[in-house]
Amino acid sequence: MLNIYITRHGETKWNRENRLQGWKDSPLTKKGSEHAILLGKRLADIPFQTIYTSPSGRAVQTAKLIRLERDIPIVQEEGLKELNFGEWEGKTREEIGQINGKEYENFWTSPHKYDHRSHRGESLQDFQERIRLALMNIISDYVDGNILIVSHAVAIRAMLAFCLNLTTEKFWAGPFIQGTSLTIIKWDGTQFAVEKIGDMSHLDQ
């Protein structure tokens, strides 16, 4: 059995400013770094074979903080990058709402109606296929053991949609994926079993 531990990067400067990041980037805040370290302590006894991370700086920084002082290889995987939001990236929710409010609302409430073309973003369908391929490529190297994936909120929802066989209409079903939250999925070589979604109990310590 392969245990797949999945987390989102810690809080960033743009998260705090309500700016959409996508393929653009901003550094972790002090809070984001502290939460990543707390998750690292929570996972300190898990013998991870590898940590896979999105190449975005915020994800790589989070992966290194979670690793603590352990000798675990960190592999950057291009396919784990966040959805590309095109011209929306770097803008606040209010700014996007002023220029393309209906499409922004569709993305969060009716993803099956979301149209990326007006702001030159990545289609949700292409994105979901990219995430599926990245996940399957990663797990193909393992029969059992433990791996950690550090990615992004929408990317993790795409992994869950794939593993739970959700339609695009149900893309957002379940809890929102907060920074450094923990999702655990098991893979027996044939099927996925989702054990935990978006758990934040390490912040209670």
C-alpha atoms as a PDB file:
ATOM      1  CA  MET A   1       0.000   0.000   0.000  1.00  0.00           C
ATOM      2  CA  LEU A   2       1.323   3.428  -0.957  1.00  0.00           C
ATOM      3  CA  ASN A   3       0.425   6.239   1.430  1.00  0.00           C
ATOM      4  CA  ILE A   4       0.238   9.583  -0.362  1.00  0.00           C
ATOM      5  CA  TYR A   5       0.426  12.570   1.969  1.00  0.00           C
ATOM      6  CA  ILE A   6      -0.591  15.809   0.265  1.00  0.00           C
ATOM      7  CA  THR A   7      -0.360  19.377   1.504  1.00  0.00           C
ATOM      8  CA  ARG A   8      -0.763  22.893   0.216  1.00  0.00           C
ATOM      9  CA  HIS A   9       1.997  25.467   0.600  1.00  0.00           C
ATOM     10  CA  GLY A  10       1.865  27.743   3.636  1.00  0.00           C
ATOM     11  CA  GLU A  11       0.272  31.181   3.670  1.00  0.00           C
ATOM     12  CA  THR A  12       1.953  33.691   1.345  1.00  0.00           C
ATOM     13  CA  LYS A  13       2.081  37.463   1.065  1.00  0.00           C
ATOM     14  CA  TRP A  14      -0.399  37.363  -1.815  1.00  0.00           C
ATOM     15  CA  ASN A  15      -2.715  34.991   0.067  1.00  0.00           C
ATOM     16  CA  ARG A  16      -2.921  37.605   2.795  1.00  0.00           C
ATOM     17  CA  GLU A  17      -3.633  40.315   0.208  1.00  0.00           C
ATOM     18  CA  ASN A  18      -6.296  38.150  -1.499  1.00  0.00           C
ATOM     19  CA  ARG A  19      -4.288  38.154  -4.743  1.00  0.00           C
ATOM     20  CA  LEU A  20      -4.594  35.254  -7.148  1.00  0.00           C
ATOM     21  CA  GLN A  21      -1.216  33.567  -7.628  1.00  0.00           C
ATOM     22  CA  GLY A  22      -1.480  30.702 -10.100  1.00  0.00           C
ATOM     23  CA  TRP A  23       1.872  30.405 -11.880  1.00  0.00           C
ATOM     24  CA  LYS A  24       3.078  33.679 -10.379  1.00  0.00           C
ATOM     25  CA  ASP A  25       4.546  33.616  -6.903  1.00  0.00           C
ATOM     26  CA  SER A  26       5.020  35.397  -3.595  1.00  0.00           C
ATOM     27  CA  PRO A  27       7.005  34.396  -0.484  1.00  0.00           C
ATOM     28  CA  LEU A  28       5.657  32.650   2.576  1.00  0.00           C
ATOM     29  CA  THR A  29       4.612  34.850   5.459  1.00  0.00           C
ATOM     30  CA  LYS A  30       5.954  34.229   8.958  1.00  0.00           C
ATOM     31  CA  LYS A  31       2.667  32.457   9.723  1.00  0.00           C
ATOM     32  CA  GLY A  32       3.007  30.317   6.592  1.00  0.00           C
ATOM     33  CA  SER A  33       6.521  29.243   7.567  1.00  0.00           C
ATOM     34  CA  GLU A  34       5.530  28.487  11.151  1.00  0.00           C
ATOM     35  CA  HIS A  35       2.594  26.351  10.026  1.00  0.00           C
ATOM     36  CA  ALA A  36       4.827  24.400   7.635  1.00  0.00           C
ATOM     37  CA  ILE A  37       7.237  23.655  10.474  1.00  0.00           C
ATOM     38  CA  LEU A  38       4.350  22.479  12.661  1.00  0.00           C
ATOM     39  CA  LEU A  39       3.220  20.122   9.910  1.00  0.00           C
ATOM     40  CA  GLY A  40       6.813  18.898   9.602  1.00  0.00           C
ATOM     41  CA  LYS A  41       6.833  18.070  13.299  1.00  0.00           C
ATOM     42  CA  ARG A  42       3.515  16.266  12.938  1.00  0.00           C
ATOM     43  CA  LEU A  43       4.961  14.146  10.132  1.00  0.00           C
ATOM     44  CA  ALA A  44       8.408  13.713  11.684  1.00  0.00           C
ATOM     45  CA  ASP A  45       7.927   9.993  12.346  1.00  0.00           C
ATOM     46  CA  ILE A  46       6.679   9.167   8.830  1.00  0.00           C
ATOM     47  CA  PRO A  47       9.533   7.594   6.792  1.00  0.00           C
ATOM     48  CA  PHE A  48       9.019   9.430   3.511  1.00  0.00           C
ATOM     49  CA  GLN A  49      10.901   8.050   0.538  1.00  0.00           C
ATOM     50  CA  THR A  50      10.552  11.259  -1.475  1.00  0.00           C
ATOM     51  CA  ILE A  51       8.935  14.686  -1.295  1.00  0.00           C
ATOM     52  CA  TYR A  52       7.443  15.850  -4.596  1.00  0.00           C
ATOM     53  CA  THR A  53       6.731  19.540  -4.970  1.00  0.00           C
ATOM     54  CA  SER A  54       5.423  22.045  -7.441  1.00  0.00           C
ATOM     55  CA  PRO A  55       8.366  24.116  -8.718  1.00  0.00           C
ATOM     56  CA  SER A  56       6.691  27.335  -7.513  1.00  0.00           C
ATOM     57  CA  GLY A  57       8.865  29.006  -4.885  1.00  0.00           C
ATOM     58  CA  ARG A  58       6.162  28.976  -2.205  1.00  0.00           C
ATOM     59  CA  ALA A  59       5.748  25.209  -2.574  1.00  0.00           C
ATOM     60  CA  VAL A  60       9.484  24.465  -2.607  1.00  0.00           C
ATOM     61  CA  GLN A  61       9.983  26.646   0.464  1.00  0.00           C
ATOM     62  CA  THR A  62       7.161  24.799   2.236  1.00  0.00           C
ATOM     63  CA  ALA A  63       8.606  21.394   1.289  1.00  0.00           C
ATOM     64  CA  LYS A  64      11.984  22.308   2.768  1.00  0.00           C
ATOM     65  CA  LEU A  65      10.407  23.502   6.020  1.00  0.00           C
ATOM     66  CA  ILE A  66       8.316  20.340   6.359  1.00  0.00           C
ATOM     67  CA  ARG A  67      11.375  18.168   5.756  1.00  0.00           C
ATOM     68  CA  LEU A  68      13.099  19.748   8.782  1.00  0.00           C
ATOM     69  CA  GLU A  69      16.604  18.286   9.131  1.00  0.00           C
ATOM     70  CA  ARG A  70      15.798  14.926   7.571  1.00  0.00           C
ATOM     71  CA  ASP A  71      17.664  13.527   4.583  1.00  0.00           C
ATOM     72  CA  ILE A  72      14.707  13.174   2.204  1.00  0.00           C
ATOM     73  CA  PRO A  73      15.082  14.005  -1.502  1.00  0.00           C
ATOM     74  CA  ILE A  74      12.885  16.820  -2.809  1.00  0.00           C
ATOM     75  CA  VAL A  75      11.851  16.460  -6.449  1.00  0.00           C
ATOM     76  CA  GLN A  76      10.285  19.356  -8.341  1.00  0.00           C
ATOM     77  CA  GLU A  77       7.483  18.163 -10.616  1.00  0.00           C
ATOM     78  CA  GLU A  78       6.244  20.624 -13.265  1.00  0.00           C
ATOM     79  CA  GLY A  79       2.875  18.908 -13.480  1.00  0.00           C
ATOM     80  CA  LEU A  80       2.069  19.845  -9.872  1.00  0.00           C
ATOM     81  CA  LYS A  81       1.942  23.581 -10.632  1.00  0.00           C
ATOM     82  CA  GLU A  82      -1.239  25.482  -9.834  1.00  0.00           C
ATOM     83  CA  LEU A  83      -3.871  26.281 -12.442  1.00  0.00           C
ATOM     84  CA  ASN A  84      -2.669  29.059 -14.734  1.00  0.00           C
ATOM     85  CA  PHE A  85      -5.138  31.920 -14.318  1.00  0.00           C
ATOM     86  CA  GLY A  86      -3.675  34.005 -17.142  1.00  0.00           C
ATOM     87  CA  GLU A  87      -4.382  37.737 -16.852  1.00  0.00           C
ATOM     88  CA  TRP A  88      -6.042  37.302 -13.453  1.00  0.00           C
ATOM     89  CA  GLU A  89      -2.742  36.456 -11.765  1.00  0.00           C
ATOM     90  CA  GLY A  90      -1.424  39.084  -9.385  1.00  0.00           C
ATOM     91  CA  LYS A  91      -4.816  40.795  -9.152  1.00  0.00           C
ATOM     92  CA  THR A  92      -7.013  40.948  -6.050  1.00  0.00           C
ATOM     93  CA  ARG A  93     -10.445  39.363  -5.927  1.00  0.00           C
ATOM     94  CA  GLU A  94     -11.961  42.850  -6.087  1.00  0.00           C
ATOM     95  CA  GLU A  95      -9.954  43.761  -9.199  1.00  0.00           C
ATOM     96  CA  ILE A  96     -10.936  40.538 -10.950  1.00  0.00           C
ATOM     97  CA  GLY A  97     -14.548  41.099  -9.946  1.00  0.00           C
ATOM     98  CA  GLN A  98     -14.527  44.500 -11.620  1.00  0.00           C
ATOM     99  CA  ILE A  99     -13.195  43.235 -14.933  1.00  0.00           C
ATOM    100  CA  ASN A 100     -14.614  39.700 -15.138  1.00  0.00           C
ATOM    101  CA  GLY A 101     -16.885  39.134 -12.171  1.00  0.00           C
ATOM    102  CA  LYS A 102     -19.242  36.599 -13.752  1.00  0.00           C
ATOM    103  CA  GLU A 103     -16.443  34.281 -14.887  1.00  0.00           C
ATOM    104  CA  TYR A 104     -14.720  34.550 -11.518  1.00  0.00           C
ATOM    105  CA  GLU A 105     -17.986  33.596  -9.814  1.00  0.00           C
ATOM    106  CA  ASN A 106     -18.388  30.668 -12.211  1.00  0.00           C
ATOM    107  CA  PHE A 107     -14.947  29.366 -11.282  1.00  0.00           C
ATOM    108  CA  TRP A 108     -15.784  29.180  -7.569  1.00  0.00           C
ATOM    109  CA  THR A 109     -19.466  28.266  -7.700  1.00  0.00           C
ATOM    110  CA  SER A 110     -20.143  26.647 -11.098  1.00  0.00           C
ATOM    111  CA  PRO A 111     -16.796  25.270 -12.317  1.00  0.00           C
ATOM    112  CA  HIS A 112     -18.468  23.304 -15.114  1.00  0.00           C
ATOM    113  CA  LYS A 113     -19.417  26.693 -16.636  1.00  0.00           C
ATOM    114  CA  TYR A 114     -15.974  28.266 -16.177  1.00  0.00           C
ATOM    115  CA  ASP A 115     -14.453  29.670 -19.390  1.00  0.00           C
ATOM    116  CA  HIS A 116     -10.730  30.421 -19.254  1.00  0.00           C
ATOM    117  CA  ARG A 117     -10.474  32.065 -22.652  1.00  0.00           C
ATOM    118  CA  SER A 118     -11.499  35.616 -21.742  1.00  0.00           C
ATOM    119  CA  HIS A 119      -8.441  36.035 -19.486  1.00  0.00           C
ATOM    120  CA  ARG A 120      -6.111  33.673 -21.394  1.00  0.00           C
ATOM    121  CA  GLY A 121      -5.877  31.106 -18.625  1.00  0.00           C
ATOM    122  CA  GLU A 122      -5.562  27.335 -18.619  1.00  0.00           C
ATOM    123  CA  SER A 123      -8.752  25.360 -19.162  1.00  0.00           C
ATOM    124  CA  LEU A 124      -9.979  23.380 -16.180  1.00  0.00           C
ATOM    125  CA  GLN A 125     -10.128  20.253 -18.338  1.00  0.00           C
ATOM    126  CA  ASP A 126      -6.512  20.559 -19.501  1.00  0.00           C
ATOM    127  CA  PHE A 127      -5.441  21.340 -15.950  1.00  0.00           C
ATOM    128  CA  GLN A 128      -7.192  18.289 -14.506  1.00  0.00           C
ATOM    129  CA  GLU A 129      -5.533  16.075 -17.097  1.00  0.00           C
ATOM    130  CA  ARG A 130      -2.129  17.609 -16.277  1.00  0.00           C
ATOM    131  CA  ILE A 131      -2.629  16.909 -12.570  1.00  0.00           C
ATOM    132  CA  ARG A 132      -3.855  13.359 -13.264  1.00  0.00           C
ATOM    133  CA  LEU A 133      -0.800  12.597 -15.374  1.00  0.00           C
ATOM    134  CA  ALA A 134       1.555  14.069 -12.772  1.00  0.00           C
ATOM    135  CA  LEU A 135       0.001  12.017  -9.982  1.00  0.00           C
ATOM    136  CA  MET A 136       0.006   8.779 -11.963  1.00  0.00           C
ATOM    137  CA  ASN A 137       3.595   9.369 -13.074  1.00  0.00           C
ATOM    138  CA  ILE A 138       4.691   9.873  -9.469  1.00  0.00           C
ATOM    139  CA  ILE A 139       2.961   6.818  -8.021  1.00  0.00           C
ATOM    140  CA  SER A 140       4.125   4.564 -10.872  1.00  0.00           C
ATOM    141  CA  ASP A 141       7.537   4.433  -9.174  1.00  0.00           C
ATOM    142  CA  TYR A 142       6.151   2.900  -5.959  1.00  0.00           C
ATOM    143  CA  VAL A 143       4.498  -0.275  -4.776  1.00  0.00           C
ATOM    144  CA  ASP A 144       4.267   0.752  -1.124  1.00  0.00           C
ATOM    145  CA  GLY A 145       5.735   3.165   1.393  1.00  0.00           C
ATOM    146  CA  ASN A 146       5.116   6.874   1.994  1.00  0.00           C
ATOM    147  CA  ILE A 147       5.513   9.934  -0.202  1.00  0.00           C
ATOM    148  CA  LEU A 148       4.675  13.590   0.355  1.00  0.00           C
ATOM    149  CA  ILE A 149       3.291  15.943  -2.308  1.00  0.00           C
ATOM    150  CA  VAL A 150       3.409  19.722  -1.808  1.00  0.00           C
ATOM    151  CA  SER A 151       1.171  21.594  -4.215  1.00  0.00           C
ATOM    152  CA  HIS A 152      -1.638  24.167  -4.390  1.00  0.00           C
ATOM    153  CA  ALA A 153      -5.297  24.523  -3.438  1.00  0.00           C
ATOM    154  CA  VAL A 154      -6.864  24.003  -6.864  1.00  0.00           C
ATOM    155  CA  ALA A 155      -4.301  21.337  -7.791  1.00  0.00           C
ATOM    156  CA  ILE A 156      -5.153  19.321  -4.675  1.00  0.00           C
ATOM    157  CA  ARG A 157      -8.863  19.623  -5.436  1.00  0.00           C
ATOM    158  CA  ALA A 158      -8.066  18.261  -8.917  1.00  0.00           C
ATOM    159  CA  MET A 159      -6.272  15.271  -7.371  1.00  0.00           C
ATOM    160  CA  LEU A 160      -9.267  14.625  -5.131  1.00  0.00           C
ATOM    161  CA  ALA A 161     -11.712  14.985  -8.025  1.00  0.00           C
ATOM    162  CA  PHE A 162      -9.729  12.368  -9.934  1.00  0.00           C
ATOM    163  CA  CYS A 163      -9.363   9.954  -7.000  1.00  0.00           C
ATOM    164  CA  LEU A 164     -13.028  10.321  -6.003  1.00  0.00           C
ATOM    165  CA  ASN A 165     -14.255  10.301  -9.635  1.00  0.00           C
ATOM    166  CA  LEU A 166     -16.064  13.620  -9.200  1.00  0.00           C
ATOM    167  CA  THR A 167     -17.650  15.489 -12.101  1.00  0.00           C
ATOM    168  CA  THR A 168     -16.423  19.026 -12.836  1.00  0.00           C
ATOM    169  CA  GLU A 169     -19.705  20.295 -11.396  1.00  0.00           C
ATOM    170  CA  LYS A 170     -18.723  18.724  -8.041  1.00  0.00           C
ATOM    171  CA  PHE A 171     -15.110  19.941  -8.234  1.00  0.00           C
ATOM    172  CA  TRP A 172     -15.334  21.959  -4.998  1.00  0.00           C
ATOM    173  CA  ALA A 173     -17.209  19.311  -2.983  1.00  0.00           C
ATOM    174  CA  GLY A 174     -15.729  18.955   0.484  1.00  0.00           C
ATOM    175  CA  PRO A 175     -13.641  21.256   2.668  1.00  0.00           C
ATOM    176  CA  PHE A 176     -11.538  24.050   1.206  1.00  0.00           C
ATOM    177  CA  ILE A 177      -7.840  23.196   1.088  1.00  0.00           C
ATOM    178  CA  GLN A 178      -6.162  25.563   3.553  1.00  0.00           C
ATOM    179  CA  GLY A 179      -2.433  26.286   3.684  1.00  0.00           C
ATOM    180  CA  THR A 180      -0.438  23.343   5.137  1.00  0.00           C
ATOM    181  CA  SER A 181      -3.613  21.270   5.554  1.00  0.00           C
ATOM    182  CA  LEU A 182      -3.076  17.526   5.302  1.00  0.00           C
ATOM    183  CA  THR A 183      -4.830  15.217   2.856  1.00  0.00           C
ATOM    184  CA  ILE A 184      -4.040  11.489   2.842  1.00  0.00           C
ATOM    185  CA  ILE A 185      -4.808   9.112  -0.024  1.00  0.00           C
ATOM    186  CA  LYS A 186      -3.966   5.406  -0.160  1.00  0.00           C
ATOM    187  CA  TRP A 187      -3.164   3.558  -3.393  1.00  0.00           C
ATOM    188  CA  ASP A 188      -3.186  -0.238  -3.556  1.00  0.00           C
ATOM    189  CA  GLY A 189      -2.060  -0.421  -7.162  1.00  0.00           C
ATOM    190  CA  THR A 190      -5.622  -0.605  -8.452  1.00  0.00           C
ATOM    191  CA  GLN A 191      -7.709   2.017  -6.725  1.00  0.00           C
ATOM    192  CA  PHE A 192      -7.497   5.076  -4.488  1.00  0.00           C
ATOM    193  CA  ALA A 193      -8.958   5.417  -1.006  1.00  0.00           C
ATOM    194  CA  VAL A 194      -9.211   8.921   0.405  1.00  0.00           C
ATOM    195  CA  GLU A 195      -8.537   8.743   4.130  1.00  0.00           C
ATOM    196  CA  LYS A 196      -8.344  12.398   5.147  1.00  0.00           C
ATOM    197  CA  ILE A 197      -9.072  15.768   3.491  1.00  0.00           C
ATOM    198  CA  GLY A 198      -7.734  19.140   4.564  1.00  0.00           C
ATOM    199  CA  ASP A 199      -6.902  18.240   8.160  1.00  0.00           C
ATOM    200  CA  MET A 200      -5.462  21.104  10.230  1.00  0.00           C
ATOM    201  CA  SER A 201      -5.054  19.422  13.630  1.00  0.00           C
ATOM    202  CA  HIS A 202      -1.289  20.154  13.743  1.00  0.00           C
ATOM    203  CA  LEU A 203      -2.168  23.804  14.348  1.00  0.00           C
ATOM    204  CA  ASP A 204      -3.847  22.889  17.642  1.00  0.00           C
ATOM    205  CA  GLN A 205      -0.478  22.038  19.159  1.00  0.00           C
END
